[in-house]
Amino acid sequence: MWRARCEQLRKTIPAAKRDFKPRPRSATTSVLLVLVLGICVGIVPLSFAADSGVPANAYQGRQRRRTLDEQVQALSEKLNLSSEQRVKVKKIFEHRQMLLQRIRQNPSLSAVDRFHSM
């Protein structure tokens, strides 16, 4: 069946089209194509490695959470807090942490309720 179909197509296609052979690529065209592809492949990793102002480990999973003392220290540097204010801010942070922990550990809350409570 396949051969019969091929013979039928050969009879219907003119001889000029039937004898068409693709033009072989010249060596310079092949070399140019390889060079362009090589350059493209070489440039892509460089663009990802370019310094974008983001630390190198920023995309490597979850970052370590700052401790309460580190949070208080950062806030006190930004706001120029006194030692009394630092103590009060730390108490506020500890209270907030305790409330969030209670919400997370409350089995009676659904995940949606937990999310909205935070």
N, C-alpha and C. Protein backbone atom coordinates (compact mmCIF):
# COMPACT_ATOMS: atom_id res chain seq x y z
N MET A 1 0.82 -1.18 0.00
CA MET A 1 0.00 0.00 0.00
C MET A 1 0.87 1.25 0.00
N TRP A 2 1.90 1.24 0.85
CA TRP A 2 2.78 2.39 0.94
C TRP A 2 3.50 2.64 -0.39
N ARG A 3 3.99 1.58 -0.99
CA ARG A 3 4.69 1.72 -2.27
C ARG A 3 3.75 2.23 -3.36
N ALA A 4 2.54 1.76 -3.32
CA ALA A 4 1.56 2.19 -4.34
C ALA A 4 1.28 3.68 -4.19
N ARG A 5 1.18 4.13 -2.97
CA ARG A 5 0.94 5.56 -2.73
C ARG A 5 2.14 6.39 -3.18
N CYS A 6 3.35 5.93 -2.92
CA CYS A 6 4.56 6.65 -3.35
C CYS A 6 4.63 6.73 -4.87
N GLU A 7 4.31 5.65 -5.54
CA GLU A 7 4.32 5.64 -7.01
C GLU A 7 3.28 6.61 -7.56
N GLN A 8 2.13 6.64 -6.93
CA GLN A 8 1.07 7.55 -7.37
C GLN A 8 1.52 9.00 -7.22
N LEU A 9 2.19 9.32 -6.09
CA LEU A 9 2.68 10.68 -5.88
C LEU A 9 3.78 11.03 -6.87
N ARG A 10 4.65 10.08 -7.19
CA ARG A 10 5.72 10.35 -8.15
C ARG A 10 5.16 10.70 -9.52
N LYS A 11 4.09 10.07 -9.89
CA LYS A 11 3.48 10.36 -11.19
C LYS A 11 2.82 11.73 -11.23
N THR A 12 2.28 12.18 -10.09
CA THR A 12 1.56 13.46 -10.07
C THR A 12 2.49 14.65 -9.90
N ILE A 13 3.65 14.45 -9.24
CA ILE A 13 4.59 15.56 -9.01
C ILE A 13 5.45 15.73 -10.25
N PRO A 14 5.57 16.97 -10.75
CA PRO A 14 6.42 17.20 -11.92
C PRO A 14 7.86 16.77 -11.68
N ALA A 15 8.57 16.46 -12.74
CA ALA A 15 9.94 15.95 -12.64
C ALA A 15 10.87 16.96 -12.00
N ALA A 16 10.67 18.25 -12.26
CA ALA A 16 11.56 19.28 -11.71
C ALA A 16 11.49 19.30 -10.18
N LYS A 17 10.32 19.17 -9.62
CA LYS A 17 10.17 19.17 -8.17
C LYS A 17 10.59 17.83 -7.57
N ARG A 18 10.39 16.76 -8.32
CA ARG A 18 10.72 15.44 -7.83
C ARG A 18 12.22 15.27 -7.66
N ASP A 19 13.01 15.90 -8.49
CA ASP A 19 14.45 15.76 -8.46
C ASP A 19 15.13 16.82 -7.59
N PHE A 20 14.34 17.57 -6.84
CA PHE A 20 14.91 18.63 -6.01
C PHE A 20 15.76 18.03 -4.91
N LYS A 21 16.95 18.58 -4.75
CA LYS A 21 17.84 18.19 -3.68
C LYS A 21 18.22 19.46 -2.93
N PRO A 22 18.15 19.44 -1.61
CA PRO A 22 18.51 20.65 -0.88
C PRO A 22 19.97 21.00 -1.10
N ARG A 23 20.22 22.30 -1.16
CA ARG A 23 21.57 22.78 -1.38
C ARG A 23 22.41 22.49 -0.14
N PRO A 24 23.56 21.89 -0.31
CA PRO A 24 24.39 21.60 0.86
C PRO A 24 24.89 22.90 1.49
N ARG A 25 24.97 22.90 2.80
CA ARG A 25 25.48 24.08 3.51
C ARG A 25 26.97 24.17 3.30
N SER A 26 27.40 25.39 3.16
CA SER A 26 28.84 25.58 3.01
C SER A 26 29.49 25.48 4.39
N ALA A 27 30.75 25.28 4.41
CA ALA A 27 31.49 25.14 5.67
C ALA A 27 31.44 26.43 6.47
N THR A 28 31.50 27.58 5.79
CA THR A 28 31.47 28.85 6.52
C THR A 28 30.12 29.06 7.19
N THR A 29 29.04 28.65 6.54
CA THR A 29 27.73 28.79 7.16
C THR A 29 27.63 27.92 8.41
N SER A 30 28.13 26.72 8.34
CA SER A 30 28.08 25.83 9.50
C SER A 30 28.94 26.36 10.64
N VAL A 31 30.13 26.86 10.31
CA VAL A 31 31.01 27.41 11.35
C VAL A 31 30.37 28.63 11.98
N LEU A 32 29.77 29.49 11.17
CA LEU A 32 29.11 30.69 11.69
C LEU A 32 27.95 30.32 12.61
N LEU A 33 27.18 29.32 12.22
CA LEU A 33 26.07 28.87 13.05
C LEU A 33 26.56 28.34 14.39
N VAL A 34 27.62 27.57 14.38
CA VAL A 34 28.19 27.03 15.62
C VAL A 34 28.71 28.15 16.51
N LEU A 35 29.36 29.14 15.91
CA LEU A 35 29.87 30.27 16.70
C LEU A 35 28.75 31.06 17.35
N VAL A 36 27.72 31.35 16.60
CA VAL A 36 26.60 32.13 17.15
C VAL A 36 25.94 31.37 18.29
N LEU A 37 25.69 30.08 18.11
CA LEU A 37 25.10 29.29 19.18
C LEU A 37 26.02 29.21 20.41
N GLY A 38 27.31 29.08 20.18
CA GLY A 38 28.26 29.03 21.29
C GLY A 38 28.28 30.33 22.07
N ILE A 39 28.21 31.43 21.37
CA ILE A 39 28.20 32.73 22.05
C ILE A 39 26.93 32.89 22.87
N CYS A 40 25.80 32.50 22.27
CA CYS A 40 24.53 32.61 23.00
C CYS A 40 24.53 31.75 24.26
N VAL A 41 25.03 30.54 24.15
CA VAL A 41 25.07 29.65 25.30
C VAL A 41 26.06 30.17 26.34
N GLY A 42 27.12 30.81 25.91
CA GLY A 42 28.10 31.35 26.85
C GLY A 42 27.63 32.61 27.54
N ILE A 43 26.78 33.38 26.90
CA ILE A 43 26.33 34.65 27.48
C ILE A 43 25.23 34.44 28.50
N VAL A 44 24.38 33.46 28.31
CA VAL A 44 23.24 33.26 29.21
C VAL A 44 23.69 33.04 30.65
N PRO A 45 24.63 32.15 30.95
CA PRO A 45 25.06 32.00 32.35
C PRO A 45 25.69 33.26 32.90
N LEU A 46 26.38 34.02 32.07
CA LEU A 46 26.99 35.25 32.55
C LEU A 46 25.94 36.26 32.98
N SER A 47 24.81 36.30 32.28
CA SER A 47 23.77 37.25 32.65
C SER A 47 23.14 36.89 33.99
N PHE A 48 23.09 35.59 34.31
CA PHE A 48 22.56 35.19 35.60
C PHE A 48 23.56 35.45 36.71
N ALA A 49 24.82 35.42 36.39
CA ALA A 49 25.84 35.60 37.41
C ALA A 49 26.16 37.07 37.65
N ALA A 50 25.62 37.95 36.83
CA ALA A 50 25.92 39.38 36.98
C ALA A 50 25.44 39.86 38.35
N ASP A 51 26.14 40.80 38.91
CA ASP A 51 25.80 41.32 40.23
C ASP A 51 24.55 42.18 40.10
N SER A 52 23.47 41.71 40.70
CA SER A 52 22.22 42.45 40.64
C SER A 52 21.91 43.10 41.98
N GLY A 53 22.85 43.13 42.88
CA GLY A 53 22.62 43.73 44.19
C GLY A 53 21.97 42.76 45.17
N VAL A 54 21.72 41.54 44.74
CA VAL A 54 21.12 40.53 45.59
C VAL A 54 22.22 39.61 46.08
N PRO A 55 22.25 39.29 47.36
CA PRO A 55 23.29 38.39 47.85
C PRO A 55 23.26 37.05 47.13
N ALA A 56 24.40 36.42 47.03
CA ALA A 56 24.52 35.17 46.27
C ALA A 56 23.64 34.07 46.85
N ASN A 57 23.42 34.07 48.16
CA ASN A 57 22.64 33.01 48.79
C ASN A 57 21.18 33.40 48.99
N ALA A 58 20.71 34.47 48.38
CA ALA A 58 19.34 34.94 48.61
C ALA A 58 18.30 33.98 48.08
N TYR A 59 18.62 33.21 47.07
CA TYR A 59 17.63 32.32 46.48
C TYR A 59 17.86 30.87 46.89
N GLN A 60 18.66 30.62 47.87
CA GLN A 60 18.97 29.25 48.27
C GLN A 60 18.12 28.84 49.47
N GLY A 61 16.85 28.74 49.26
CA GLY A 61 15.97 28.29 50.32
C GLY A 61 15.60 29.40 51.29
N ARG A 62 15.07 29.00 52.40
CA ARG A 62 14.57 29.93 53.40
C ARG A 62 15.71 30.54 54.20
N GLN A 63 15.63 31.81 54.41
CA GLN A 63 16.65 32.50 55.18
C GLN A 63 16.42 32.29 56.68
N ARG A 64 17.47 32.39 57.44
CA ARG A 64 17.39 32.25 58.89
C ARG A 64 16.65 33.45 59.47
N ARG A 65 15.74 33.19 60.38
CA ARG A 65 15.00 34.28 61.02
C ARG A 65 15.89 34.97 62.04
N ARG A 66 15.68 36.26 62.15
CA ARG A 66 16.45 37.02 63.14
C ARG A 66 15.87 36.78 64.53
N THR A 67 16.74 36.76 65.52
CA THR A 67 16.30 36.60 66.89
C THR A 67 15.66 37.90 67.36
N LEU A 68 15.01 37.83 68.52
CA LEU A 68 14.39 39.04 69.08
C LEU A 68 15.44 40.12 69.34
N ASP A 69 16.59 39.70 69.86
CA ASP A 69 17.65 40.68 70.13
C ASP A 69 18.13 41.35 68.85
N GLU A 70 18.25 40.57 67.77
CA GLU A 70 18.68 41.15 66.50
C GLU A 70 17.62 42.11 65.95
N GLN A 71 16.34 41.77 66.14
CA GLN A 71 15.27 42.66 65.69
C GLN A 71 15.28 43.97 66.47
N VAL A 72 15.45 43.85 67.78
CA VAL A 72 15.50 45.05 68.62
C VAL A 72 16.72 45.89 68.25
N GLN A 73 17.85 45.26 68.04
CA GLN A 73 19.07 45.97 67.66
C GLN A 73 18.88 46.72 66.34
N ALA A 74 18.29 46.07 65.36
CA ALA A 74 18.08 46.72 64.06
C ALA A 74 17.12 47.89 64.19
N LEU A 75 16.06 47.72 64.97
CA LEU A 75 15.10 48.80 65.15
C LEU A 75 15.71 49.96 65.93
N SER A 76 16.51 49.64 66.93
CA SER A 76 17.12 50.70 67.72
C SER A 76 18.15 51.49 66.91
N GLU A 77 18.82 50.83 65.97
CA GLU A 77 19.75 51.56 65.10
C GLU A 77 19.02 52.48 64.14
N LYS A 78 17.88 52.00 63.62
CA LYS A 78 17.11 52.83 62.69
C LYS A 78 16.47 54.02 63.37
N LEU A 79 15.96 53.79 64.59
CA LEU A 79 15.21 54.84 65.28
C LEU A 79 16.02 55.53 66.37
N ASN A 80 17.26 55.11 66.57
CA ASN A 80 18.12 55.71 67.59
C ASN A 80 17.44 55.66 68.96
N LEU A 81 17.10 54.45 69.41
CA LEU A 81 16.36 54.27 70.66
C LEU A 81 17.29 54.30 71.87
N SER A 82 16.75 54.74 72.97
CA SER A 82 17.50 54.71 74.23
C SER A 82 17.41 53.31 74.81
N SER A 83 18.15 53.05 75.88
CA SER A 83 18.15 51.71 76.49
C SER A 83 16.78 51.38 77.08
N GLU A 84 16.08 52.37 77.66
CA GLU A 84 14.74 52.13 78.20
C GLU A 84 13.77 51.75 77.08
N GLN A 85 13.88 52.45 75.96
CA GLN A 85 13.01 52.16 74.83
C GLN A 85 13.29 50.77 74.26
N ARG A 86 14.56 50.38 74.24
CA ARG A 86 14.92 49.04 73.76
C ARG A 86 14.27 47.96 74.62
N VAL A 87 14.28 48.16 75.94
CA VAL A 87 13.68 47.18 76.85
C VAL A 87 12.18 47.08 76.57
N LYS A 88 11.52 48.23 76.40
CA LYS A 88 10.07 48.22 76.13
C LYS A 88 9.77 47.56 74.78
N VAL A 89 10.57 47.86 73.77
CA VAL A 89 10.37 47.26 72.45
C VAL A 89 10.57 45.75 72.53
N LYS A 90 11.56 45.30 73.29
CA LYS A 90 11.80 43.86 73.42
C LYS A 90 10.61 43.18 74.09
N LYS A 91 10.01 43.83 75.12
CA LYS A 91 8.83 43.26 75.78
C LYS A 91 7.66 43.17 74.80
N ILE A 92 7.51 44.18 73.95
CA ILE A 92 6.43 44.16 72.95
C ILE A 92 6.66 43.01 71.97
N PHE A 93 7.89 42.84 71.52
CA PHE A 93 8.21 41.76 70.58
C PHE A 93 7.99 40.40 71.23
N GLU A 94 8.37 40.24 72.49
CA GLU A 94 8.18 38.97 73.19
C GLU A 94 6.69 38.66 73.33
N HIS A 95 5.89 39.68 73.66
CA HIS A 95 4.46 39.49 73.79
C HIS A 95 3.84 39.09 72.44
N ARG A 96 4.26 39.76 71.38
CA ARG A 96 3.76 39.44 70.04
C ARG A 96 4.13 38.00 69.67
N GLN A 97 5.36 37.61 69.98
CA GLN A 97 5.82 36.25 69.67
C GLN A 97 5.00 35.21 70.42
N MET A 98 4.68 35.50 71.71
CA MET A 98 3.89 34.59 72.51
C MET A 98 2.47 34.44 71.92
N LEU A 99 1.86 35.55 71.50
CA LEU A 99 0.52 35.50 70.91
C LEU A 99 0.52 34.71 69.60
N LEU A 100 1.51 34.94 68.76
CA LEU A 100 1.59 34.21 67.50
C LEU A 100 1.80 32.72 67.74
N GLN A 101 2.59 32.38 68.74
CA GLN A 101 2.83 30.98 69.04
C GLN A 101 1.55 30.30 69.53
N ARG A 102 0.75 31.01 70.32
CA ARG A 102 -0.53 30.47 70.78
C ARG A 102 -1.46 30.21 69.59
N ILE A 103 -1.48 31.16 68.65
CA ILE A 103 -2.34 30.99 67.48
C ILE A 103 -1.88 29.79 66.66
N ARG A 104 -0.58 29.65 66.44
CA ARG A 104 -0.06 28.54 65.65
C ARG A 104 -0.36 27.18 66.29
N GLN A 105 -0.33 27.13 67.61
CA GLN A 105 -0.48 25.86 68.32
C GLN A 105 -1.93 25.56 68.71
N ASN A 106 -2.86 26.44 68.37
CA ASN A 106 -4.26 26.24 68.72
C ASN A 106 -4.90 25.24 67.75
N PRO A 107 -5.23 24.04 68.21
CA PRO A 107 -5.78 23.03 67.31
C PRO A 107 -7.23 23.31 66.88
N SER A 108 -7.92 24.20 67.61
CA SER A 108 -9.31 24.46 67.26
C SER A 108 -9.45 25.41 66.07
N LEU A 109 -8.37 26.07 65.67
CA LEU A 109 -8.43 26.99 64.54
C LEU A 109 -8.09 26.27 63.24
N SER A 110 -8.83 26.60 62.20
CA SER A 110 -8.49 26.07 60.88
C SER A 110 -7.32 26.87 60.32
N ALA A 111 -6.77 26.39 59.23
CA ALA A 111 -5.63 27.09 58.62
C ALA A 111 -6.03 28.50 58.18
N VAL A 112 -7.24 28.64 57.68
CA VAL A 112 -7.71 29.96 57.23
C VAL A 112 -7.87 30.89 58.41
N ASP A 113 -8.47 30.38 59.51
CA ASP A 113 -8.63 31.21 60.70
C ASP A 113 -7.28 31.61 61.28
N ARG A 114 -6.34 30.65 61.26
CA ARG A 114 -4.99 30.94 61.74
C ARG A 114 -4.35 32.05 60.92
N PHE A 115 -4.52 31.97 59.61
CA PHE A 115 -3.95 32.98 58.72
C PHE A 115 -4.55 34.35 59.00
N HIS A 116 -5.87 34.42 59.17
CA HIS A 116 -6.52 35.70 59.40
C HIS A 116 -6.23 36.23 60.80
N SER A 117 -5.93 35.36 61.75
CA SER A 117 -5.61 35.81 63.11
C SER A 117 -4.23 36.45 63.18
N MET A 118 -3.36 36.05 62.30
CA MET A 118 -2.00 36.59 62.34
C MET A 118 -1.98 37.92 61.64
